[in-house]
Amino acid sequence: MPIWELTATSRTGQPVNPITGAATDSITVYSQADLDRRIEVARTDPRDLDVTVRRIS
């Protein structure tokens, strides 16, 4: 069961989802390790991402 919903939005308007081209995308995350990894990657992403995390369970 997913624990968190992670939403990333590009502050520069660049696509976050390469399939739809949307500047915002959300995923569900199942473990703390995966959440930590994704947040760390977002910090250095060249699209200047604004990331929000919402606990869903």
PDB file of N, CA and C in Angstrom:
ATOM      1  N   MET A   1       0.847  -1.183   0.000  1.00  0.00           N
ATOM      2  CA  MET A   1       0.000   0.000   0.000  1.00  0.00           C
ATOM      3  C   MET A   1       0.890   1.243   0.000  1.00  0.00           C
ATOM      4  N   PRO A   2       0.594   2.212  -0.858  1.00  0.00           N
ATOM      5  CA  PRO A   2       1.405   3.434  -0.878  1.00  0.00           C
ATOM      6  C   PRO A   2       1.276   4.221   0.420  1.00  0.00           C
ATOM      7  N   ILE A   3       2.364   4.863   0.791  1.00  0.00           N
ATOM      8  CA  ILE A   3       2.394   5.628   2.030  1.00  0.00           C
ATOM      9  C   ILE A   3       2.328   7.129   1.759  1.00  0.00           C
ATOM     10  N   TRP A   4       2.986   7.582   0.682  1.00  0.00           N
ATOM     11  CA  TRP A   4       3.043   9.008   0.366  1.00  0.00           C
ATOM     12  C   TRP A   4       2.662   9.272  -1.078  1.00  0.00           C
ATOM     13  N   GLU A   5       2.224  10.499  -1.317  1.00  0.00           N
ATOM     14  CA  GLU A   5       2.059  11.005  -2.675  1.00  0.00           C
ATOM     15  C   GLU A   5       3.070  12.133  -2.828  1.00  0.00           C
ATOM     16  N   LEU A   6       3.939  12.010  -3.816  1.00  0.00           N
ATOM     17  CA  LEU A   6       4.954  13.014  -4.092  1.00  0.00           C
ATOM     18  C   LEU A   6       4.552  13.749  -5.364  1.00  0.00           C
ATOM     19  N   THR A   7       4.475  15.068  -5.280  1.00  0.00           N
ATOM     20  CA  THR A   7       4.119  15.892  -6.431  1.00  0.00           C
ATOM     21  C   THR A   7       5.283  16.817  -6.741  1.00  0.00           C
ATOM     22  N   ALA A   8       5.686  16.827  -7.993  1.00  0.00           N
ATOM     23  CA  ALA A   8       6.772  17.701  -8.437  1.00  0.00           C
ATOM     24  C   ALA A   8       6.241  18.657  -9.499  1.00  0.00           C
ATOM     25  N   THR A   9       6.583  19.923  -9.336  1.00  0.00           N
ATOM     26  CA  THR A   9       6.196  20.959 -10.286  1.00  0.00           C
ATOM     27  C   THR A   9       7.438  21.732 -10.686  1.00  0.00           C
ATOM     28  N   SER A  10       7.632  21.912 -11.963  1.00  0.00           N
ATOM     29  CA  SER A  10       8.772  22.676 -12.456  1.00  0.00           C
ATOM     30  C   SER A  10       8.489  24.163 -12.307  1.00  0.00           C
ATOM     31  N   ARG A  11       9.358  24.845 -11.598  1.00  0.00           N
ATOM     32  CA  ARG A  11       9.204  26.297 -11.444  1.00  0.00           C
ATOM     33  C   ARG A  11       9.505  27.042 -12.745  1.00  0.00           C
ATOM     34  N   THR A  12      10.211  26.375 -13.661  1.00  0.00           N
ATOM     35  CA  THR A  12      10.582  27.009 -14.926  1.00  0.00           C
ATOM     36  C   THR A  12       9.620  26.653 -16.056  1.00  0.00           C
ATOM     37  N   GLY A  13       8.614  25.814 -15.767  1.00  0.00           N
ATOM     38  CA  GLY A  13       7.631  25.436 -16.772  1.00  0.00           C
ATOM     39  C   GLY A  13       8.051  24.290 -17.677  1.00  0.00           C
ATOM     40  N   GLN A  14       9.211  23.709 -17.407  1.00  0.00           N
ATOM     41  CA  GLN A  14       9.673  22.588 -18.215  1.00  0.00           C
ATOM     42  C   GLN A  14       8.866  21.340 -17.894  1.00  0.00           C
ATOM     43  N   PRO A  15       8.723  20.430 -18.831  1.00  0.00           N
ATOM     44  CA  PRO A  15       7.952  19.209 -18.586  1.00  0.00           C
ATOM     45  C   PRO A  15       8.572  18.348 -17.484  1.00  0.00           C
ATOM     46  N   VAL A  16       7.731  17.899 -16.586  1.00  0.00           N
ATOM     47  CA  VAL A  16       8.143  16.951 -15.554  1.00  0.00           C
ATOM     48  C   VAL A  16       7.780  15.538 -16.012  1.00  0.00           C
ATOM     49  N   ASN A  17       6.658  15.432 -16.707  1.00  0.00           N
ATOM     50  CA  ASN A  17       6.213  14.149 -17.250  1.00  0.00           C
ATOM     51  C   ASN A  17       6.560  14.132 -18.745  1.00  0.00           C
ATOM     52  N   PRO A  18       7.522  13.299 -19.142  1.00  0.00           N
ATOM     53  CA  PRO A  18       7.937  13.305 -20.547  1.00  0.00           C
ATOM     54  C   PRO A  18       6.880  12.762 -21.505  1.00  0.00           C
ATOM     55  N   ILE A  19       5.919  12.015 -21.016  1.00  0.00           N
ATOM     56  CA  ILE A  19       4.884  11.446 -21.883  1.00  0.00           C
ATOM     57  C   ILE A  19       3.800  12.481 -22.191  1.00  0.00           C
ATOM     58  N   THR A  20       3.310  13.159 -21.153  1.00  0.00           N
ATOM     59  CA  THR A  20       2.234  14.131 -21.357  1.00  0.00           C
ATOM     60  C   THR A  20       2.750  15.545 -21.592  1.00  0.00           C
ATOM     61  N   GLY A  21       3.999  15.799 -21.191  1.00  0.00           N
ATOM     62  CA  GLY A  21       4.558  17.138 -21.310  1.00  0.00           C
ATOM     63  C   GLY A  21       4.100  18.088 -20.220  1.00  0.00           C
ATOM     64  N   ALA A  22       3.423  17.567 -19.210  1.00  0.00           N
ATOM     65  CA  ALA A  22       2.911  18.398 -18.123  1.00  0.00           C
ATOM     66  C   ALA A  22       4.048  18.904 -17.230  1.00  0.00           C
ATOM     67  N   ALA A  23       3.890  20.117 -16.718  1.00  0.00           N
ATOM     68  CA  ALA A  23       4.887  20.706 -15.829  1.00  0.00           C
ATOM     69  C   ALA A  23       4.719  20.239 -14.390  1.00  0.00           C
ATOM     70  N   THR A  24       3.666  19.449 -14.110  1.00  0.00           N
ATOM     71  CA  THR A  24       3.412  18.890 -12.782  1.00  0.00           C
ATOM     72  C   THR A  24       3.076  17.420 -12.929  1.00  0.00           C
ATOM     73  N   ASP A  25       3.588  16.618 -11.986  1.00  0.00           N
ATOM     74  CA  ASP A  25       3.279  15.192 -12.002  1.00  0.00           C
ATOM     75  C   ASP A  25       3.313  14.668 -10.573  1.00  0.00           C
ATOM     76  N   SER A  26       2.499  13.655 -10.289  1.00  0.00           N
ATOM     77  CA  SER A  26       2.448  13.034  -8.968  1.00  0.00           C
ATOM     78  C   SER A  26       2.664  11.535  -9.092  1.00  0.00           C
ATOM     79  N   ILE A  27       3.287  10.970  -8.061  1.00  0.00           N
ATOM     80  CA  ILE A  27       3.471   9.522  -7.977  1.00  0.00           C
ATOM     81  C   ILE A  27       3.205   9.083  -6.554  1.00  0.00           C
ATOM     82  N   THR A  28       2.928   7.801  -6.373  1.00  0.00           N
ATOM     83  CA  THR A  28       2.810   7.247  -5.035  1.00  0.00           C
ATOM     84  C   THR A  28       4.123   6.561  -4.688  1.00  0.00           C
ATOM     85  N   VAL A  29       4.491   6.671  -3.418  1.00  0.00           N
ATOM     86  CA  VAL A  29       5.758   6.132  -2.935  1.00  0.00           C
ATOM     87  C   VAL A  29       5.456   5.150  -1.810  1.00  0.00           C
ATOM     88  N   TYR A  30       6.160   4.016  -1.847  1.00  0.00           N
ATOM     89  CA  TYR A  30       5.859   2.909  -0.948  1.00  0.00           C
ATOM     90  C   TYR A  30       6.826   2.738   0.219  1.00  0.00           C
ATOM     91  N   SER A  31       7.991   3.397   0.180  1.00  0.00           N
ATOM     92  CA  SER A  31       8.947   3.216   1.276  1.00  0.00           C
ATOM     93  C   SER A  31       9.667   4.526   1.589  1.00  0.00           C
ATOM     94  N   GLN A  32      10.160   4.615   2.799  1.00  0.00           N
ATOM     95  CA  GLN A  32      10.910   5.798   3.225  1.00  0.00           C
ATOM     96  C   GLN A  32      12.185   5.953   2.407  1.00  0.00           C
ATOM     97  N   ALA A  33      12.861   4.853   2.117  1.00  0.00           N
ATOM     98  CA  ALA A  33      14.104   4.905   1.341  1.00  0.00           C
ATOM     99  C   ALA A  33      13.845   5.459  -0.063  1.00  0.00           C
ATOM    100  N   ASP A  34      12.754   5.018  -0.699  1.00  0.00           N
ATOM    101  CA  ASP A  34      12.418   5.509  -2.034  1.00  0.00           C
ATOM    102  C   ASP A  34      12.059   6.990  -1.978  1.00  0.00           C
ATOM    103  N   LEU A  35      11.311   7.394  -0.969  1.00  0.00           N
ATOM    104  CA  LEU A  35      10.949   8.805  -0.809  1.00  0.00           C
ATOM    105  C   LEU A  35      12.199   9.652  -0.641  1.00  0.00           C
ATOM    106  N   ASP A  36      13.112   9.228   0.236  1.00  0.00           N
ATOM    107  CA  ASP A  36      14.351   9.976   0.462  1.00  0.00           C
ATOM    108  C   ASP A  36      15.162  10.095  -0.817  1.00  0.00           C
ATOM    109  N   ARG A  37      15.247   9.013  -1.599  1.00  0.00           N
ATOM    110  CA  ARG A  37      16.006   9.016  -2.845  1.00  0.00           C
ATOM    111  C   ARG A  37      15.398  10.002  -3.844  1.00  0.00           C
ATOM    112  N   ARG A  38      14.087   9.973  -3.972  1.00  0.00           N
ATOM    113  CA  ARG A  38      13.419  10.859  -4.930  1.00  0.00           C
ATOM    114  C   ARG A  38      13.554  12.333  -4.542  1.00  0.00           C
ATOM    115  N   ILE A  39      13.488  12.634  -3.258  1.00  0.00           N
ATOM    116  CA  ILE A  39      13.656  14.018  -2.794  1.00  0.00           C
ATOM    117  C   ILE A  39      15.079  14.488  -3.066  1.00  0.00           C
ATOM    118  N   GLU A  40      16.049  13.631  -2.826  1.00  0.00           N
ATOM    119  CA  GLU A  40      17.449  13.992  -3.076  1.00  0.00           C
ATOM    120  C   GLU A  40      17.690  14.257  -4.565  1.00  0.00           C
ATOM    121  N   VAL A  41      17.127  13.432  -5.418  1.00  0.00           N
ATOM    122  CA  VAL A  41      17.271  13.638  -6.864  1.00  0.00           C
ATOM    123  C   VAL A  41      16.611  14.947  -7.287  1.00  0.00           C
ATOM    124  N   ALA A  42      15.461  15.252  -6.714  1.00  0.00           N
ATOM    125  CA  ALA A  42      14.737  16.479  -7.069  1.00  0.00           C
ATOM    126  C   ALA A  42      15.528  17.732  -6.687  1.00  0.00           C
ATOM    127  N   ARG A  43      16.320  17.644  -5.620  1.00  0.00           N
ATOM    128  CA  ARG A  43      17.100  18.814  -5.188  1.00  0.00           C
ATOM    129  C   ARG A  43      18.103  19.264  -6.245  1.00  0.00           C
ATOM    130  N   THR A  44      18.616  18.330  -7.029  1.00  0.00           N
ATOM    131  CA  THR A  44      19.628  18.672  -8.019  1.00  0.00           C
ATOM    132  C   THR A  44      19.083  18.663  -9.448  1.00  0.00           C
ATOM    133  N   ASP A  45      17.791  18.505  -9.602  1.00  0.00           N
ATOM    134  CA  ASP A  45      17.187  18.456 -10.931  1.00  0.00           C
ATOM    135  C   ASP A  45      17.281  19.827 -11.603  1.00  0.00           C
ATOM    136  N   PRO A  46      17.723  19.889 -12.854  1.00  0.00           N
ATOM    137  CA  PRO A  46      17.878  21.178 -13.537  1.00  0.00           C
ATOM    138  C   PRO A  46      16.560  21.891 -13.848  1.00  0.00           C
ATOM    139  N   ARG A  47      15.426  21.220 -13.663  1.00  0.00           N
ATOM    140  CA  ARG A  47      14.135  21.862 -13.931  1.00  0.00           C
ATOM    141  C   ARG A  47      13.664  22.715 -12.762  1.00  0.00           C
ATOM    142  N   ASP A  48      14.466  22.820 -11.703  1.00  0.00           N
ATOM    143  CA  ASP A  48      14.119  23.619 -10.513  1.00  0.00           C
ATOM    144  C   ASP A  48      12.750  23.192  -9.980  1.00  0.00           C
ATOM    145  N   LEU A  49      12.696  21.983  -9.428  1.00  0.00           N
ATOM    146  CA  LEU A  49      11.433  21.396  -9.002  1.00  0.00           C
ATOM    147  C   LEU A  49      10.982  21.871  -7.629  1.00  0.00           C
ATOM    148  N   ASP A  50       9.710  22.116  -7.524  1.00  0.00           N
ATOM    149  CA  ASP A  50       9.044  22.349  -6.241  1.00  0.00           C
ATOM    150  C   ASP A  50       8.369  21.030  -5.898  1.00  0.00           C
ATOM    151  N   VAL A  51       8.786  20.401  -4.782  1.00  0.00           N
ATOM    152  CA  VAL A  51       8.285  19.072  -4.431  1.00  0.00           C
ATOM    153  C   VAL A  51       7.449  19.162  -3.163  1.00  0.00           C
ATOM    154  N   THR A  52       6.269  18.545  -3.201  1.00  0.00           N
ATOM    155  CA  THR A  52       5.432  18.430  -2.014  1.00  0.00           C
ATOM    156  C   THR A  52       5.181  16.950  -1.749  1.00  0.00           C
ATOM    157  N   VAL A  53       5.110  16.624  -0.463  1.00  0.00           N
ATOM    158  CA  VAL A  53       4.873  15.242  -0.049  1.00  0.00           C
ATOM    159  C   VAL A  53       3.647  15.236   0.848  1.00  0.00           C
ATOM    160  N   ARG A  54       2.731  14.323   0.539  1.00  0.00           N
ATOM    161  CA  ARG A  54       1.510  14.208   1.337  1.00  0.00           C
ATOM    162  C   ARG A  54       1.383  12.755   1.780  1.00  0.00           C
ATOM    163  N   ARG A  55       1.246  12.564   3.096  1.00  0.00           N
ATOM    164  CA  ARG A  55       1.057  11.216   3.614  1.00  0.00           C
ATOM    165  C   ARG A  55      -0.375  10.759   3.318  1.00  0.00           C
ATOM    166  N   ILE A  56      -0.509   9.569   2.727  1.00  0.00           N
ATOM    167  CA  ILE A  56      -1.845   9.090   2.353  1.00  0.00           C
ATOM    168  C   ILE A  56      -2.250   7.842   3.130  1.00  0.00           C
ATOM    169  N   SER A  57      -1.352   7.281   3.935  1.00  0.00           N
ATOM    170  CA  SER A  57      -1.750   6.156   4.796  1.00  0.00           C
ATOM    171  C   SER A  57      -0.909   6.110   6.044  1.00  0.00           C
TER     172      SER A  57
END
